[in-house]
PDB file of N, CA and C in Angstrom:
ATOM      1  N   MET A   1      89.490  79.305  80.153  1.00  0.00           N
ATOM      2  CA  MET A   1      90.560  78.654  80.881  1.00  0.00           C
ATOM      3  C   MET A   1      91.773  79.570  81.023  1.00  0.00           C
ATOM      4  N   ALA A   2      92.072  80.335  79.980  1.00  0.00           N
ATOM      5  CA  ALA A   2      93.248  81.194  80.037  1.00  0.00           C
ATOM      6  C   ALA A   2      93.121  82.250  81.133  1.00  0.00           C
ATOM      7  N   SER A   3      91.912  82.780  81.319  1.00  0.00           N
ATOM      8  CA  SER A   3      91.776  83.816  82.332  1.00  0.00           C
ATOM      9  C   SER A   3      91.963  83.268  83.736  1.00  0.00           C
ATOM     10  N   SER A   4      91.533  82.040  83.991  1.00  0.00           N
ATOM     11  CA  SER A   4      91.722  81.474  85.324  1.00  0.00           C
ATOM     12  C   SER A   4      93.186  81.173  85.597  1.00  0.00           C
ATOM     13  N   SER A   5      93.917  80.717  84.583  1.00  0.00           N
ATOM     14  CA  SER A   5      95.332  80.427  84.814  1.00  0.00           C
ATOM     15  C   SER A   5      96.144  81.708  84.934  1.00  0.00           C
ATOM     16  N   SER A   6      95.735  82.762  84.220  1.00  0.00           N
ATOM     17  CA  SER A   6      96.492  84.005  84.335  1.00  0.00           C
ATOM     18  C   SER A   6      96.216  84.721  85.652  1.00  0.00           C
ATOM     19  N   SER A   7      95.066  84.466  86.274  1.00  0.00           N
ATOM     20  CA  SER A   7      94.777  85.108  87.549  1.00  0.00           C
ATOM     21  C   SER A   7      95.199  84.254  88.736  1.00  0.00           C
ATOM     22  N   ALA A   8      95.559  83.009  88.522  1.00  0.00           N
ATOM     23  CA  ALA A   8      95.928  82.109  89.613  1.00  0.00           C
ATOM     24  C   ALA A   8      97.084  82.631  90.459  1.00  0.00           C
ATOM     25  N   PRO A   9      98.166  83.175  89.862  1.00  0.00           N
ATOM     26  CA  PRO A   9      99.258  83.665  90.704  1.00  0.00           C
ATOM     27  C   PRO A   9      98.831  84.778  91.654  1.00  0.00           C
ATOM     28  N   ASN A  10      97.836  85.578  91.282  1.00  0.00           N
ATOM     29  CA  ASN A  10      97.391  86.680  92.136  1.00  0.00           C
ATOM     30  C   ASN A  10      96.753  86.184  93.418  1.00  0.00           C
ATOM     31  N   ARG A  11      96.190  84.999  93.429  1.00  0.00           N
ATOM     32  CA  ARG A  11      95.565  84.462  94.632  1.00  0.00           C
ATOM     33  C   ARG A  11      96.595  84.213  95.733  1.00  0.00           C
ATOM     34  N   ASN A  12      97.843  83.993  95.360  1.00  0.00           N
ATOM     35  CA  ASN A  12      98.900  83.720  96.334  1.00  0.00           C
ATOM     36  C   ASN A  12      99.607  84.987  96.792  1.00  0.00           C
ATOM     37  N   ARG A  13      99.197  86.116  96.300  1.00  0.00           N
ATOM     38  CA  ARG A  13      99.855  87.381  96.638  1.00  0.00           C
ATOM     39  C   ARG A  13      99.291  87.937  97.933  1.00  0.00           C
ATOM     40  N   SER A  14     100.193  88.301  98.830  1.00  0.00           N
ATOM     41  CA  SER A  14      99.792  88.940 100.082  1.00  0.00           C
ATOM     42  C   SER A  14      99.869  90.458  99.973  1.00  0.00           C
ATOM     43  N   PHE A  15     100.793  90.941  99.142  1.00  0.00           N
ATOM     44  CA  PHE A  15     101.027  92.370  99.011  1.00  0.00           C
ATOM     45  C   PHE A  15     101.199  92.724  97.540  1.00  0.00           C
ATOM     46  N   ASP A  16     100.828  93.943  97.196  1.00  0.00           N
ATOM     47  CA  ASP A  16     101.123  94.445  95.852  1.00  0.00           C
ATOM     48  C   ASP A  16     102.587  94.836  95.758  1.00  0.00           C
ATOM     49  N   VAL A  17     103.099  95.450  96.844  1.00  0.00           N
ATOM     50  CA  VAL A  17     104.468  95.979  96.836  1.00  0.00           C
ATOM     51  C   VAL A  17     105.195  95.592  98.119  1.00  0.00           C
ATOM     52  N   PHE A  18     106.433  95.158  97.966  1.00  0.00           N
ATOM     53  CA  PHE A  18     107.353  94.969  99.089  1.00  0.00           C
ATOM     54  C   PHE A  18     108.265  96.179  99.089  1.00  0.00           C
ATOM     55  N   LEU A  19     108.182  96.990 100.121  1.00  0.00           N
ATOM     56  CA  LEU A  19     108.981  98.207 100.234  1.00  0.00           C
ATOM     57  C   LEU A  19     110.234  97.891 101.035  1.00  0.00           C
ATOM     58  N   SER A  20     111.383  97.936 100.368  1.00  0.00           N
ATOM     59  CA  SER A  20     112.650  97.550 100.983  1.00  0.00           C
ATOM     60  C   SER A  20     113.508  98.780 101.244  1.00  0.00           C
ATOM     61  N   PHE A  21     113.947  98.926 102.482  1.00  0.00           N
ATOM     62  CA  PHE A  21     114.833 100.019 102.851  1.00  0.00           C
ATOM     63  C   PHE A  21     115.633  99.576 104.061  1.00  0.00           C
ATOM     64  N   ARG A  22     116.700 100.284 104.328  1.00  0.00           N
ATOM     65  CA  ARG A  22     117.540  99.924 105.464  1.00  0.00           C
ATOM     66  C   ARG A  22     117.867 101.182 106.237  1.00  0.00           C
ATOM     67  N   GLY A  23     117.735 101.096 107.523  1.00  0.00           N
ATOM     68  CA  GLY A  23     118.164 102.206 108.354  1.00  0.00           C
ATOM     69  C   GLY A  23     117.065 103.202 108.671  1.00  0.00           C
ATOM     70  N   GLU A  24     117.396 104.029 109.628  1.00  0.00           N
ATOM     71  CA  GLU A  24     116.446 105.008 110.138  1.00  0.00           C
ATOM     72  C   GLU A  24     116.429 106.301 109.323  1.00  0.00           C
ATOM     73  N   ASP A  25     117.426 106.503 108.462  1.00  0.00           N
ATOM     74  CA  ASP A  25     117.536 107.801 107.794  1.00  0.00           C
ATOM     75  C   ASP A  25     116.363 108.111 106.875  1.00  0.00           C
ATOM     76  N   THR A  26     115.689 107.106 106.322  1.00  0.00           N
ATOM     77  CA  THR A  26     114.528 107.376 105.468  1.00  0.00           C
ATOM     78  C   THR A  26     113.233 106.818 106.052  1.00  0.00           C
ATOM     79  N   ARG A  27     113.325 106.081 107.151  1.00  0.00           N
ATOM     80  CA  ARG A  27     112.146 105.397 107.702  1.00  0.00           C
ATOM     81  C   ARG A  27     110.984 106.353 107.957  1.00  0.00           C
ATOM     82  N   TYR A  28     111.246 107.496 108.552  1.00  0.00           N
ATOM     83  CA  TYR A  28     110.179 108.422 108.920  1.00  0.00           C
ATOM     84  C   TYR A  28     110.094 109.624 107.987  1.00  0.00           C
ATOM     85  N   SER A  29     110.789 109.559 106.865  1.00  0.00           N
ATOM     86  CA  SER A  29     110.714 110.658 105.900  1.00  0.00           C
ATOM     87  C   SER A  29     110.259 110.087 104.555  1.00  0.00           C
ATOM     88  N   PHE A  30     111.182 109.922 103.630  1.00  0.00           N
ATOM     89  CA  PHE A  30     110.816 109.490 102.284  1.00  0.00           C
ATOM     90  C   PHE A  30     110.050 108.171 102.273  1.00  0.00           C
ATOM     91  N   THR A  31     110.570 107.158 102.954  1.00  0.00           N
ATOM     92  CA  THR A  31     109.949 105.825 102.927  1.00  0.00           C
ATOM     93  C   THR A  31     108.554 105.859 103.528  1.00  0.00           C
ATOM     94  N   ASP A  32     108.389 106.590 104.603  1.00  0.00           N
ATOM     95  CA  ASP A  32     107.073 106.706 105.227  1.00  0.00           C
ATOM     96  C   ASP A  32     106.086 107.411 104.295  1.00  0.00           C
ATOM     97  N   HIS A  33     106.525 108.482 103.649  1.00  0.00           N
ATOM     98  CA  HIS A  33     105.660 109.205 102.712  1.00  0.00           C
ATOM     99  C   HIS A  33     105.282 108.315 101.528  1.00  0.00           C
ATOM    100  N   LEU A  34     106.237 107.544 101.031  1.00  0.00           N
ATOM    101  CA  LEU A  34     105.969 106.619  99.927  1.00  0.00           C
ATOM    102  C   LEU A  34     104.946 105.567 100.344  1.00  0.00           C
ATOM    103  N   PHE A  35     105.127 104.989 101.519  1.00  0.00           N
ATOM    104  CA  PHE A  35     104.194 103.984 102.038  1.00  0.00           C
ATOM    105  C   PHE A  35     102.778 104.553 102.140  1.00  0.00           C
ATOM    106  N   VAL A  36     102.652 105.718 102.737  1.00  0.00           N
ATOM    107  CA  VAL A  36     101.334 106.346 102.912  1.00  0.00           C
ATOM    108  C   VAL A  36     100.694 106.634 101.552  1.00  0.00           C
ATOM    109  N   SER A  37     101.482 107.104 100.603  1.00  0.00           N
ATOM    110  CA  SER A  37     100.952 107.394  99.269  1.00  0.00           C
ATOM    111  C   SER A  37     100.476 106.135  98.554  1.00  0.00           C
ATOM    112  N   LEU A  38     101.267 105.071  98.624  1.00  0.00           N
ATOM    113  CA  LEU A  38     100.871 103.816  97.986  1.00  0.00           C
ATOM    114  C   LEU A  38      99.596 103.270  98.618  1.00  0.00           C
ATOM    115  N   GLU A  39      99.570 103.191  99.939  1.00  0.00           N
ATOM    116  CA  GLU A  39      98.391 102.685 100.642  1.00  0.00           C
ATOM    117  C   GLU A  39      97.162 103.556 100.356  1.00  0.00           C
ATOM    118  N   GLY A  40      97.365 104.868 100.276  1.00  0.00           N
ATOM    119  CA  GLY A  40      96.271 105.789  99.994  1.00  0.00           C
ATOM    120  C   GLY A  40      95.658 105.595  98.624  1.00  0.00           C
ATOM    121  N   ARG A  41      96.416 104.989  97.732  1.00  0.00           N
ATOM    122  CA  ARG A  41      95.923 104.696  96.385  1.00  0.00           C
ATOM    123  C   ARG A  41      95.445 103.249  96.255  1.00  0.00           C
ATOM    124  N   GLY A  42      95.327 102.583  97.399  1.00  0.00           N
ATOM    125  CA  GLY A  42      94.809 101.221  97.386  1.00  0.00           C
ATOM    126  C   GLY A  42      95.840 100.168  97.023  1.00  0.00           C
ATOM    127  N   ILE A  43      97.114 100.516  97.091  1.00  0.00           N
ATOM    128  CA  ILE A  43      98.193  99.571  96.779  1.00  0.00           C
ATOM    129  C   ILE A  43      98.679  98.981  98.098  1.00  0.00           C
ATOM    130  N   HIS A  44      98.346  97.720  98.332  1.00  0.00           N
ATOM    131  CA  HIS A  44      98.672  97.051  99.597  1.00  0.00           C
ATOM    132  C   HIS A  44     100.183  96.853  99.674  1.00  0.00           C
ATOM    133  N   THR A  45     100.816  97.531 100.629  1.00  0.00           N
ATOM    134  CA  THR A  45     102.270  97.632 100.685  1.00  0.00           C
ATOM    135  C   THR A  45     102.807  97.067 101.992  1.00  0.00           C
ATOM    136  N   PHE A  46     103.887  96.289 101.889  1.00  0.00           N
ATOM    137  CA  PHE A  46     104.567  95.764 103.070  1.00  0.00           C
ATOM    138  C   PHE A  46     105.776  96.624 103.373  1.00  0.00           C
ATOM    139  N   ARG A  47     105.955  96.925 104.654  1.00  0.00           N
ATOM    140  CA  ARG A  47     107.218  97.495 105.138  1.00  0.00           C
ATOM    141  C   ARG A  47     107.532  96.798 106.453  1.00  0.00           C
ATOM    142  N   ASP A  48     108.786  96.763 106.832  1.00  0.00           N
ATOM    143  CA  ASP A  48     109.228  95.877 107.916  1.00  0.00           C
ATOM    144  C   ASP A  48     108.756  96.260 109.310  1.00  0.00           C
ATOM    145  N   HIS A  49     108.041  97.344 109.476  1.00  0.00           N
ATOM    146  CA  HIS A  49     107.562  97.685 110.814  1.00  0.00           C
ATOM    147  C   HIS A  49     106.546  96.676 111.335  1.00  0.00           C
ATOM    148  N   LYS A  50     106.076  95.788 110.468  1.00  0.00           N
ATOM    149  CA  LYS A  50     105.088  94.786 110.862  1.00  0.00           C
ATOM    150  C   LYS A  50     105.739  93.535 111.459  1.00  0.00           C
ATOM    151  N   LEU A  51     107.055  93.468 111.441  1.00  0.00           N
ATOM    152  CA  LEU A  51     107.765  92.310 111.984  1.00  0.00           C
ATOM    153  C   LEU A  51     108.324  92.651 113.362  1.00  0.00           C
ATOM    154  N   GLU A  52     108.329  91.663 114.224  1.00  0.00           N
ATOM    155  CA  GLU A  52     108.887  91.849 115.561  1.00  0.00           C
ATOM    156  C   GLU A  52     110.399  91.943 115.484  1.00  0.00           C
ATOM    157  N   ARG A  53     110.954  92.927 116.129  1.00  0.00           N
ATOM    158  CA  ARG A  53     112.415  93.071 116.159  1.00  0.00           C
ATOM    159  C   ARG A  53     113.023  91.959 117.006  1.00  0.00           C
ATOM    160  N   GLY A  54     114.216  91.518 116.600  1.00  0.00           N
ATOM    161  CA  GLY A  54     114.943  90.546 117.384  1.00  0.00           C
ATOM    162  C   GLY A  54     114.680  89.100 116.999  1.00  0.00           C
ATOM    163  N   GLU A  55     113.596  88.826 116.305  1.00  0.00           N
ATOM    164  CA  GLU A  55     113.351  87.448 115.920  1.00  0.00           C
ATOM    165  C   GLU A  55     114.051  87.164 114.598  1.00  0.00           C
ATOM    166  N   ASP A  56     114.262  85.901 114.291  1.00  0.00           N
ATOM    167  CA  ASP A  56     114.887  85.510 113.035  1.00  0.00           C
ATOM    168  C   ASP A  56     113.864  85.727 111.929  1.00  0.00           C
ATOM    169  N   ILE A  57     114.049  86.796 111.160  1.00  0.00           N
ATOM    170  CA  ILE A  57     113.024  87.182 110.201  1.00  0.00           C
ATOM    171  C   ILE A  57     113.394  86.875 108.755  1.00  0.00           C
ATOM    172  N   GLU A  58     114.567  86.300 108.526  1.00  0.00           N
ATOM    173  CA  GLU A  58     115.016  86.066 107.152  1.00  0.00           C
ATOM    174  C   GLU A  58     114.021  85.231 106.356  1.00  0.00           C
ATOM    175  N   GLN A  59     113.595  84.101 106.888  1.00  0.00           N
ATOM    176  CA  GLN A  59     112.655  83.239 106.168  1.00  0.00           C
ATOM    177  C   GLN A  59     111.305  83.919 105.980  1.00  0.00           C
ATOM    178  N   GLU A  60     110.863  84.636 106.997  1.00  0.00           N
ATOM    179  CA  GLU A  60     109.591  85.347 106.888  1.00  0.00           C
ATOM    180  C   GLU A  60     109.659  86.419 105.802  1.00  0.00           C
ATOM    181  N   LEU A  61     110.777  87.164 105.765  1.00  0.00           N
ATOM    182  CA  LEU A  61     110.940  88.188 104.729  1.00  0.00           C
ATOM    183  C   LEU A  61     110.983  87.578 103.336  1.00  0.00           C
ATOM    184  N   LEU A  62     111.687  86.477 103.173  1.00  0.00           N
ATOM    185  CA  LEU A  62     111.744  85.819 101.869  1.00  0.00           C
ATOM    186  C   LEU A  62     110.353  85.396 101.408  1.00  0.00           C
ATOM    187  N   GLY A  63     109.559  84.882 102.328  1.00  0.00           N
ATOM    188  CA  GLY A  63     108.197  84.495 101.994  1.00  0.00           C
ATOM    189  C   GLY A  63     107.349  85.685 101.583  1.00  0.00           C
ATOM    190  N   ILE A  64     107.507  86.790 102.281  1.00  0.00           N
ATOM    191  CA  ILE A  64     106.756  88.007 101.956  1.00  0.00           C
ATOM    192  C   ILE A  64     107.182  88.546 100.593  1.00  0.00           C
ATOM    193  N   ILE A  65     108.467  88.534 100.316  1.00  0.00           N
ATOM    194  CA  ILE A  65     108.968  88.982  99.008  1.00  0.00           C
ATOM    195  C   ILE A  65     108.371  88.118  97.904  1.00  0.00           C
ATOM    196  N   GLU A  66     108.359  86.811  98.099  1.00  0.00           N
ATOM    197  CA  GLU A  66     107.805  85.903  97.094  1.00  0.00           C
ATOM    198  C   GLU A  66     106.313  86.126  96.881  1.00  0.00           C
ATOM    199  N   ARG A  67     105.616  86.567  97.920  1.00  0.00           N
ATOM    200  CA  ARG A  67     104.171  86.780  97.813  1.00  0.00           C
ATOM    201  C   ARG A  67     103.814  88.226  97.476  1.00  0.00           C
ATOM    202  N   SER A  68     104.811  89.019  97.094  1.00  0.00           N
ATOM    203  CA  SER A  68     104.576  90.396  96.669  1.00  0.00           C
ATOM    204  C   SER A  68     104.709  90.482  95.159  1.00  0.00           C
ATOM    205  N   ARG A  69     103.858  91.292  94.580  1.00  0.00           N
ATOM    206  CA  ARG A  69     103.871  91.412  93.128  1.00  0.00           C
ATOM    207  C   ARG A  69     105.082  92.215  92.631  1.00  0.00           C
ATOM    208  N   PHE A  70     105.409  93.286  93.354  1.00  0.00           N
ATOM    209  CA  PHE A  70     106.532  94.155  92.990  1.00  0.00           C
ATOM    210  C   PHE A  70     107.358  94.465  94.215  1.00  0.00           C
ATOM    211  N   SER A  71     108.605  94.880  93.987  1.00  0.00           N
ATOM    212  CA  SER A  71     109.470  95.370  95.075  1.00  0.00           C
ATOM    213  C   SER A  71     109.953  96.764  94.707  1.00  0.00           C
ATOM    214  N   ILE A  72     109.975  97.629  95.702  1.00  0.00           N
ATOM    215  CA  ILE A  72     110.581  98.955  95.531  1.00  0.00           C
ATOM    216  C   ILE A  72     111.719  99.017  96.542  1.00  0.00           C
ATOM    217  N   ILE A  73     112.913  99.296  96.046  1.00  0.00           N
ATOM    218  CA  ILE A  73     114.093  99.356  96.892  1.00  0.00           C
ATOM    219  C   ILE A  73     114.508 100.811  97.052  1.00  0.00           C
ATOM    220  N   VAL A  74     114.611 101.262  98.288  1.00  0.00           N
ATOM    221  CA  VAL A  74     115.003 102.641  98.576  1.00  0.00           C
ATOM    222  C   VAL A  74     116.463 102.618  99.019  1.00  0.00           C
ATOM    223  N   PHE A  75     117.314 103.253  98.254  1.00  0.00           N
ATOM    224  CA  PHE A  75     118.727 103.389  98.604  1.00  0.00           C
ATOM    225  C   PHE A  75     118.914 104.713  99.325  1.00  0.00           C
ATOM    226  N   SER A  76     119.713 104.675 100.383  1.00  0.00           N
ATOM    227  CA  SER A  76     119.980 105.923 101.099  1.00  0.00           C
ATOM    228  C   SER A  76     121.428 105.985 101.538  1.00  0.00           C
TER     229      SER A  76
END
């Protein structure tokens, strides 16, 4: 029983990592390299290029953050 309850939260996870960054200064350099490296190691990673620009994305982002196991924040 303990193993099923300890694995239950993982069933609701959409991503292993939520990659958070702001701005174009790291989008195609450090952040892109980090994303490719994580994905290359089988770590399912979210970055905001998957969302349509211009739409109200706050609620969608909050949901994605909640369904991610970890967050990595890139300061620039």
